[in-house]
Amino acid sequence: MPTSPIADEHYSNFLWAILVITSPLIFCQWNKLQSPQSRWDDTSNHAHPSHCAQQAPWTFHIDINIASAIDFELLENIGPALASRIIETRKSLPDQRFNTLNELLQVKGIGDKTLDKLRPYLICN
């Protein structure tokens, strides 16, 4: 079935409009879209995309009772070995869960200073 040149032009204009609208949104949020986290909190106040340089960064929280080793490795100064020790310590606890963040001090390699650096990114549910 042949289409009219007018219909083709409207369709083409529609596609360009979609591209023009979505490109800035994707560009401003690309790094955030590539980073998987356990839970994100949007602190950007939903600013207009043209102000993406002025947006506050997103923060995330990792629940220490459900996080995987990969989740823990997203945190600064936690590598595969320390992440594995956190998981093993959690498995060795009576209910296989931490009751407080302070129980992370039981993990070899996590001291007061390390825990204080990690605390803003951790939750214990």
N, C-alpha and C. Protein backbone atom coordinates (compact mmCIF):
# COMPACT_ATOMS: atom_id res chain seq x y z
N MET A 1 0.85 -1.17 0.00
CA MET A 1 0.00 0.00 0.00
C MET A 1 0.90 1.24 0.00
N PRO A 2 0.79 2.08 -0.99
CA PRO A 2 1.62 3.28 -1.07
C PRO A 2 1.20 4.30 -0.01
N THR A 3 2.18 5.02 0.51
CA THR A 3 1.89 6.08 1.48
C THR A 3 2.07 7.43 0.81
N SER A 4 1.41 8.41 1.37
CA SER A 4 1.49 9.75 0.78
C SER A 4 2.75 10.45 1.27
N PRO A 5 3.30 11.36 0.47
CA PRO A 5 4.48 12.11 0.90
C PRO A 5 4.21 12.94 2.15
N ILE A 6 2.97 13.39 2.35
CA ILE A 6 2.64 14.20 3.53
C ILE A 6 2.72 13.33 4.78
N ALA A 7 2.21 12.10 4.71
CA ALA A 7 2.26 11.20 5.85
C ALA A 7 3.71 10.86 6.18
N ASP A 8 4.53 10.64 5.16
CA ASP A 8 5.94 10.34 5.39
C ASP A 8 6.64 11.51 6.06
N GLU A 9 6.31 12.73 5.67
CA GLU A 9 6.93 13.92 6.26
C GLU A 9 6.51 14.08 7.72
N HIS A 10 5.24 13.84 8.04
CA HIS A 10 4.78 13.93 9.43
C HIS A 10 5.46 12.88 10.31
N TYR A 11 5.60 11.68 9.77
CA TYR A 11 6.26 10.61 10.52
C TYR A 11 7.72 10.97 10.76
N SER A 12 8.39 11.49 9.76
CA SER A 12 9.78 11.90 9.90
C SER A 12 9.92 13.02 10.92
N ASN A 13 9.03 13.99 10.91
CA ASN A 13 9.06 15.08 11.89
C ASN A 13 8.82 14.54 13.30
N PHE A 14 7.94 13.58 13.42
CA PHE A 14 7.66 12.97 14.72
C PHE A 14 8.90 12.28 15.27
N LEU A 15 9.60 11.52 14.43
CA LEU A 15 10.81 10.83 14.86
C LEU A 15 11.89 11.83 15.27
N TRP A 16 12.05 12.91 14.55
CA TRP A 16 13.04 13.93 14.91
C TRP A 16 12.69 14.58 16.25
N ALA A 17 11.40 14.82 16.47
CA ALA A 17 10.98 15.42 17.74
C ALA A 17 11.31 14.49 18.91
N ILE A 18 11.05 13.20 18.76
CA ILE A 18 11.38 12.23 19.81
C ILE A 18 12.89 12.23 20.07
N LEU A 19 13.67 12.23 19.01
CA LEU A 19 15.13 12.23 19.14
C LEU A 19 15.62 13.49 19.86
N VAL A 20 15.09 14.64 19.50
CA VAL A 20 15.51 15.91 20.11
C VAL A 20 15.12 15.95 21.59
N ILE A 21 13.99 15.39 21.96
CA ILE A 21 13.54 15.41 23.34
C ILE A 21 14.32 14.42 24.21
N THR A 22 14.55 13.22 23.70
CA THR A 22 15.18 12.19 24.53
C THR A 22 16.70 12.28 24.60
N SER A 23 17.35 12.81 23.59
CA SER A 23 18.82 12.87 23.59
C SER A 23 19.39 13.60 24.80
N PRO A 24 18.92 14.81 25.15
CA PRO A 24 19.49 15.47 26.34
C PRO A 24 19.24 14.69 27.63
N LEU A 25 18.08 14.05 27.72
CA LEU A 25 17.78 13.27 28.93
C LEU A 25 18.75 12.11 29.08
N ILE A 26 18.98 11.41 28.01
CA ILE A 26 19.90 10.27 28.05
C ILE A 26 21.32 10.75 28.29
N PHE A 27 21.72 11.83 27.64
CA PHE A 27 23.08 12.36 27.81
C PHE A 27 23.35 12.75 29.26
N CYS A 28 22.41 13.44 29.89
CA CYS A 28 22.60 13.91 31.26
C CYS A 28 22.61 12.78 32.28
N GLN A 29 21.93 11.69 31.99
CA GLN A 29 21.79 10.60 32.95
C GLN A 29 22.59 9.37 32.58
N TRP A 30 23.43 9.40 31.55
CA TRP A 30 24.09 8.19 31.05
C TRP A 30 24.91 7.48 32.11
N ASN A 31 25.75 8.20 32.86
CA ASN A 31 26.58 7.54 33.88
C ASN A 31 25.72 6.90 34.96
N LYS A 32 24.63 7.54 35.31
CA LYS A 32 23.75 6.98 36.33
C LYS A 32 23.03 5.73 35.82
N LEU A 33 22.72 5.71 34.53
CA LEU A 33 22.04 4.55 33.96
C LEU A 33 22.97 3.34 33.87
N GLN A 34 24.28 3.56 33.81
CA GLN A 34 25.22 2.47 33.67
C GLN A 34 25.62 1.86 35.00
N SER A 35 25.29 2.46 36.12
CA SER A 35 25.75 2.00 37.42
C SER A 35 24.65 1.30 38.20
N PRO A 36 24.68 -0.03 38.28
CA PRO A 36 23.66 -0.72 39.07
C PRO A 36 23.95 -0.56 40.56
N GLN A 37 22.94 -0.34 41.32
CA GLN A 37 23.08 -0.20 42.77
C GLN A 37 21.94 -0.94 43.43
N SER A 38 22.08 -1.19 44.70
CA SER A 38 21.02 -1.88 45.42
C SER A 38 19.78 -1.00 45.58
N ARG A 39 19.98 0.25 45.91
CA ARG A 39 18.85 1.16 46.05
C ARG A 39 19.35 2.57 45.79
N TRP A 40 18.65 3.32 44.95
CA TRP A 40 19.03 4.69 44.62
C TRP A 40 18.09 5.65 45.31
N ASP A 41 18.64 6.76 45.77
CA ASP A 41 17.84 7.86 46.29
C ASP A 41 18.09 9.04 45.39
N ASP A 42 17.04 9.55 44.76
CA ASP A 42 17.19 10.67 43.85
C ASP A 42 17.24 11.95 44.67
N THR A 43 18.40 12.60 44.66
CA THR A 43 18.55 13.87 45.38
C THR A 43 18.69 15.02 44.40
N SER A 44 18.29 14.80 43.15
CA SER A 44 18.51 15.82 42.12
C SER A 44 17.41 16.87 42.10
N ASN A 45 16.36 16.71 42.87
CA ASN A 45 15.23 17.66 42.88
C ASN A 45 14.57 17.79 41.52
N HIS A 46 14.73 16.79 40.66
CA HIS A 46 14.09 16.74 39.36
C HIS A 46 14.33 18.01 38.56
N ALA A 47 15.55 18.43 38.49
CA ALA A 47 15.90 19.63 37.73
C ALA A 47 15.69 19.40 36.24
N HIS A 48 15.50 20.46 35.52
CA HIS A 48 15.33 20.41 34.08
C HIS A 48 16.60 19.84 33.46
N PRO A 49 16.50 19.03 32.38
CA PRO A 49 17.68 18.38 31.81
C PRO A 49 18.77 19.37 31.39
N SER A 50 18.40 20.59 31.00
CA SER A 50 19.42 21.54 30.57
C SER A 50 20.30 21.98 31.74
N HIS A 51 19.89 21.67 32.97
CA HIS A 51 20.67 22.02 34.15
C HIS A 51 21.39 20.80 34.73
N CYS A 52 21.68 19.80 33.90
CA CYS A 52 22.22 18.55 34.44
C CYS A 52 23.57 18.75 35.12
N ALA A 53 24.32 19.76 34.74
CA ALA A 53 25.61 19.99 35.40
C ALA A 53 25.42 20.51 36.82
N GLN A 54 24.24 21.06 37.13
CA GLN A 54 24.00 21.62 38.44
C GLN A 54 23.28 20.65 39.37
N GLN A 55 22.93 19.47 38.89
CA GLN A 55 22.20 18.52 39.72
C GLN A 55 23.11 17.92 40.78
N ALA A 56 22.52 17.66 41.92
CA ALA A 56 23.26 16.97 42.98
C ALA A 56 23.43 15.51 42.59
N PRO A 57 24.50 14.85 42.98
CA PRO A 57 24.70 13.45 42.61
C PRO A 57 23.70 12.55 43.33
N TRP A 58 23.44 11.42 42.71
CA TRP A 58 22.58 10.42 43.35
C TRP A 58 23.41 9.70 44.39
N THR A 59 22.76 9.29 45.45
CA THR A 59 23.43 8.48 46.45
C THR A 59 22.72 7.14 46.52
N PHE A 60 23.40 6.15 47.03
CA PHE A 60 22.79 4.83 47.12
C PHE A 60 23.06 4.24 48.48
N HIS A 61 22.25 3.28 48.84
CA HIS A 61 22.42 2.56 50.10
C HIS A 61 22.40 1.07 49.80
N ILE A 62 23.31 0.36 50.42
CA ILE A 62 23.36 -1.10 50.28
C ILE A 62 22.90 -1.71 51.59
N ASP A 63 21.90 -2.57 51.50
CA ASP A 63 21.41 -3.30 52.68
C ASP A 63 22.38 -4.44 52.93
N ILE A 64 23.07 -4.39 54.06
CA ILE A 64 24.12 -5.37 54.34
C ILE A 64 23.57 -6.77 54.54
N ASN A 65 22.27 -6.92 54.71
CA ASN A 65 21.70 -8.26 54.91
C ASN A 65 21.26 -8.94 53.63
N ILE A 66 21.20 -8.21 52.54
CA ILE A 66 20.79 -8.84 51.27
C ILE A 66 21.80 -8.60 50.15
N ALA A 67 22.81 -7.78 50.41
CA ALA A 67 23.77 -7.43 49.36
C ALA A 67 24.63 -8.62 48.98
N SER A 68 24.97 -8.67 47.71
CA SER A 68 25.89 -9.69 47.21
C SER A 68 27.32 -9.15 47.30
N ALA A 69 28.28 -10.00 47.03
CA ALA A 69 29.67 -9.56 47.03
C ALA A 69 29.88 -8.47 45.99
N ILE A 70 29.21 -8.58 44.87
CA ILE A 70 29.33 -7.56 43.82
C ILE A 70 28.81 -6.22 44.33
N ASP A 71 27.71 -6.24 45.07
CA ASP A 71 27.18 -5.00 45.64
C ASP A 71 28.20 -4.35 46.57
N PHE A 72 28.80 -5.14 47.43
CA PHE A 72 29.79 -4.61 48.36
C PHE A 72 31.01 -4.04 47.61
N GLU A 73 31.39 -4.67 46.51
CA GLU A 73 32.54 -4.21 45.75
C GLU A 73 32.31 -2.85 45.10
N LEU A 74 31.07 -2.41 45.01
CA LEU A 74 30.78 -1.08 44.48
C LEU A 74 31.28 0.01 45.42
N LEU A 75 31.48 -0.34 46.66
CA LEU A 75 31.94 0.63 47.65
C LEU A 75 33.45 0.80 47.57
N GLU A 76 33.89 2.02 47.83
CA GLU A 76 35.32 2.31 47.81
C GLU A 76 36.04 1.52 48.90
N ASN A 77 37.20 1.01 48.56
CA ASN A 77 38.07 0.26 49.48
C ASN A 77 37.54 -1.14 49.82
N ILE A 78 36.54 -1.62 49.12
CA ILE A 78 36.10 -3.01 49.33
C ILE A 78 36.35 -3.77 48.04
N GLY A 79 37.26 -4.71 48.14
CA GLY A 79 37.57 -5.56 47.00
C GLY A 79 36.90 -6.91 47.14
N PRO A 80 37.20 -7.82 46.24
CA PRO A 80 36.57 -9.15 46.27
C PRO A 80 36.81 -9.92 47.57
N ALA A 81 38.02 -9.83 48.12
CA ALA A 81 38.33 -10.59 49.34
C ALA A 81 37.53 -10.08 50.53
N LEU A 82 37.50 -8.77 50.71
CA LEU A 82 36.75 -8.21 51.84
C LEU A 82 35.25 -8.43 51.66
N ALA A 83 34.76 -8.31 50.43
CA ALA A 83 33.34 -8.56 50.17
C ALA A 83 32.98 -10.00 50.54
N SER A 84 33.85 -10.94 50.19
CA SER A 84 33.60 -12.35 50.53
C SER A 84 33.60 -12.56 52.04
N ARG A 85 34.51 -11.88 52.76
CA ARG A 85 34.53 -12.01 54.22
C ARG A 85 33.27 -11.45 54.86
N ILE A 86 32.73 -10.39 54.29
CA ILE A 86 31.46 -9.83 54.81
C ILE A 86 30.35 -10.85 54.65
N ILE A 87 30.27 -11.45 53.47
CA ILE A 87 29.23 -12.46 53.20
C ILE A 87 29.41 -13.66 54.12
N GLU A 88 30.64 -14.13 54.30
CA GLU A 88 30.89 -15.29 55.18
C GLU A 88 30.55 -14.97 56.63
N THR A 89 30.88 -13.77 57.07
CA THR A 89 30.53 -13.38 58.45
C THR A 89 29.02 -13.34 58.60
N ARG A 90 28.32 -12.80 57.62
CA ARG A 90 26.85 -12.74 57.67
C ARG A 90 26.27 -14.15 57.75
N LYS A 91 26.80 -15.07 56.97
CA LYS A 91 26.31 -16.46 56.98
C LYS A 91 26.57 -17.15 58.31
N SER A 92 27.61 -16.71 59.02
CA SER A 92 27.96 -17.36 60.29
C SER A 92 27.16 -16.83 61.47
N LEU A 93 26.42 -15.75 61.29
CA LEU A 93 25.62 -15.17 62.38
C LEU A 93 24.40 -16.04 62.66
N PRO A 94 23.84 -15.96 63.88
CA PRO A 94 22.72 -16.83 64.26
C PRO A 94 21.56 -16.86 63.27
N ASP A 95 21.08 -15.71 62.84
CA ASP A 95 19.97 -15.67 61.88
C ASP A 95 20.47 -15.38 60.47
N GLN A 96 21.77 -15.51 60.27
CA GLN A 96 22.41 -15.20 59.00
C GLN A 96 22.11 -13.77 58.56
N ARG A 97 22.12 -12.88 59.53
CA ARG A 97 21.89 -11.46 59.23
C ARG A 97 22.51 -10.60 60.32
N PHE A 98 22.91 -9.39 59.92
CA PHE A 98 23.44 -8.42 60.85
C PHE A 98 22.27 -7.71 61.52
N ASN A 99 22.40 -7.38 62.79
CA ASN A 99 21.36 -6.61 63.49
C ASN A 99 21.66 -5.12 63.46
N THR A 100 22.93 -4.76 63.39
CA THR A 100 23.34 -3.35 63.32
C THR A 100 24.54 -3.24 62.40
N LEU A 101 24.81 -2.04 61.95
CA LEU A 101 26.00 -1.81 61.13
C LEU A 101 27.27 -2.07 61.92
N ASN A 102 27.23 -1.83 63.22
CA ASN A 102 28.42 -2.03 64.05
C ASN A 102 28.89 -3.49 64.05
N GLU A 103 28.02 -4.43 63.74
CA GLU A 103 28.43 -5.83 63.68
C GLU A 103 29.41 -6.09 62.54
N LEU A 104 29.52 -5.15 61.60
CA LEU A 104 30.52 -5.29 60.54
C LEU A 104 31.94 -5.24 61.10
N LEU A 105 32.08 -4.73 62.31
CA LEU A 105 33.40 -4.69 62.95
C LEU A 105 33.94 -6.09 63.23
N GLN A 106 33.07 -7.10 63.18
CA GLN A 106 33.50 -8.49 63.35
C GLN A 106 34.27 -9.00 62.14
N VAL A 107 34.11 -8.32 61.01
CA VAL A 107 34.74 -8.75 59.76
C VAL A 107 36.21 -8.33 59.76
N LYS A 108 37.10 -9.30 59.53
CA LYS A 108 38.53 -9.00 59.45
C LYS A 108 38.74 -8.02 58.29
N GLY A 109 39.36 -6.89 58.60
CA GLY A 109 39.62 -5.88 57.57
C GLY A 109 38.73 -4.67 57.68
N ILE A 110 37.72 -4.73 58.56
CA ILE A 110 36.86 -3.57 58.78
C ILE A 110 37.05 -3.12 60.22
N GLY A 111 37.60 -1.93 60.35
CA GLY A 111 37.78 -1.32 61.66
C GLY A 111 36.90 -0.09 61.77
N ASP A 112 37.08 0.66 62.83
CA ASP A 112 36.26 1.84 63.08
C ASP A 112 36.35 2.86 61.94
N LYS A 113 37.56 3.12 61.45
CA LYS A 113 37.74 4.12 60.40
C LYS A 113 37.07 3.69 59.10
N THR A 114 37.25 2.43 58.75
CA THR A 114 36.64 1.91 57.52
C THR A 114 35.12 1.96 57.63
N LEU A 115 34.60 1.52 58.76
CA LEU A 115 33.16 1.53 58.95
C LEU A 115 32.60 2.95 58.88
N ASP A 116 33.31 3.91 59.46
CA ASP A 116 32.84 5.30 59.40
C ASP A 116 32.78 5.81 57.97
N LYS A 117 33.72 5.38 57.11
CA LYS A 117 33.70 5.78 55.70
C LYS A 117 32.55 5.12 54.94
N LEU A 118 32.23 3.89 55.33
CA LEU A 118 31.19 3.13 54.62
C LEU A 118 29.80 3.45 55.12
N ARG A 119 29.68 3.88 56.34
CA ARG A 119 28.37 4.06 57.00
C ARG A 119 27.35 4.86 56.17
N PRO A 120 27.74 5.94 55.47
CA PRO A 120 26.74 6.69 54.70
C PRO A 120 26.10 5.89 53.56
N TYR A 121 26.74 4.79 53.15
CA TYR A 121 26.24 4.01 52.03
C TYR A 121 25.57 2.71 52.45
N LEU A 122 25.51 2.44 53.74
CA LEU A 122 25.00 1.15 54.22
C LEU A 122 23.72 1.33 55.03
N ILE A 123 22.85 0.36 54.92
CA ILE A 123 21.67 0.26 55.78
C ILE A 123 21.59 -1.17 56.29
N CYS A 124 20.88 -1.35 57.39
CA CYS A 124 20.72 -2.67 57.99
C CYS A 124 19.24 -2.88 58.25
N ASN A 125 18.58 -3.56 57.34
CA ASN A 125 17.14 -3.83 57.50
C ASN A 125 16.91 -5.25 57.93
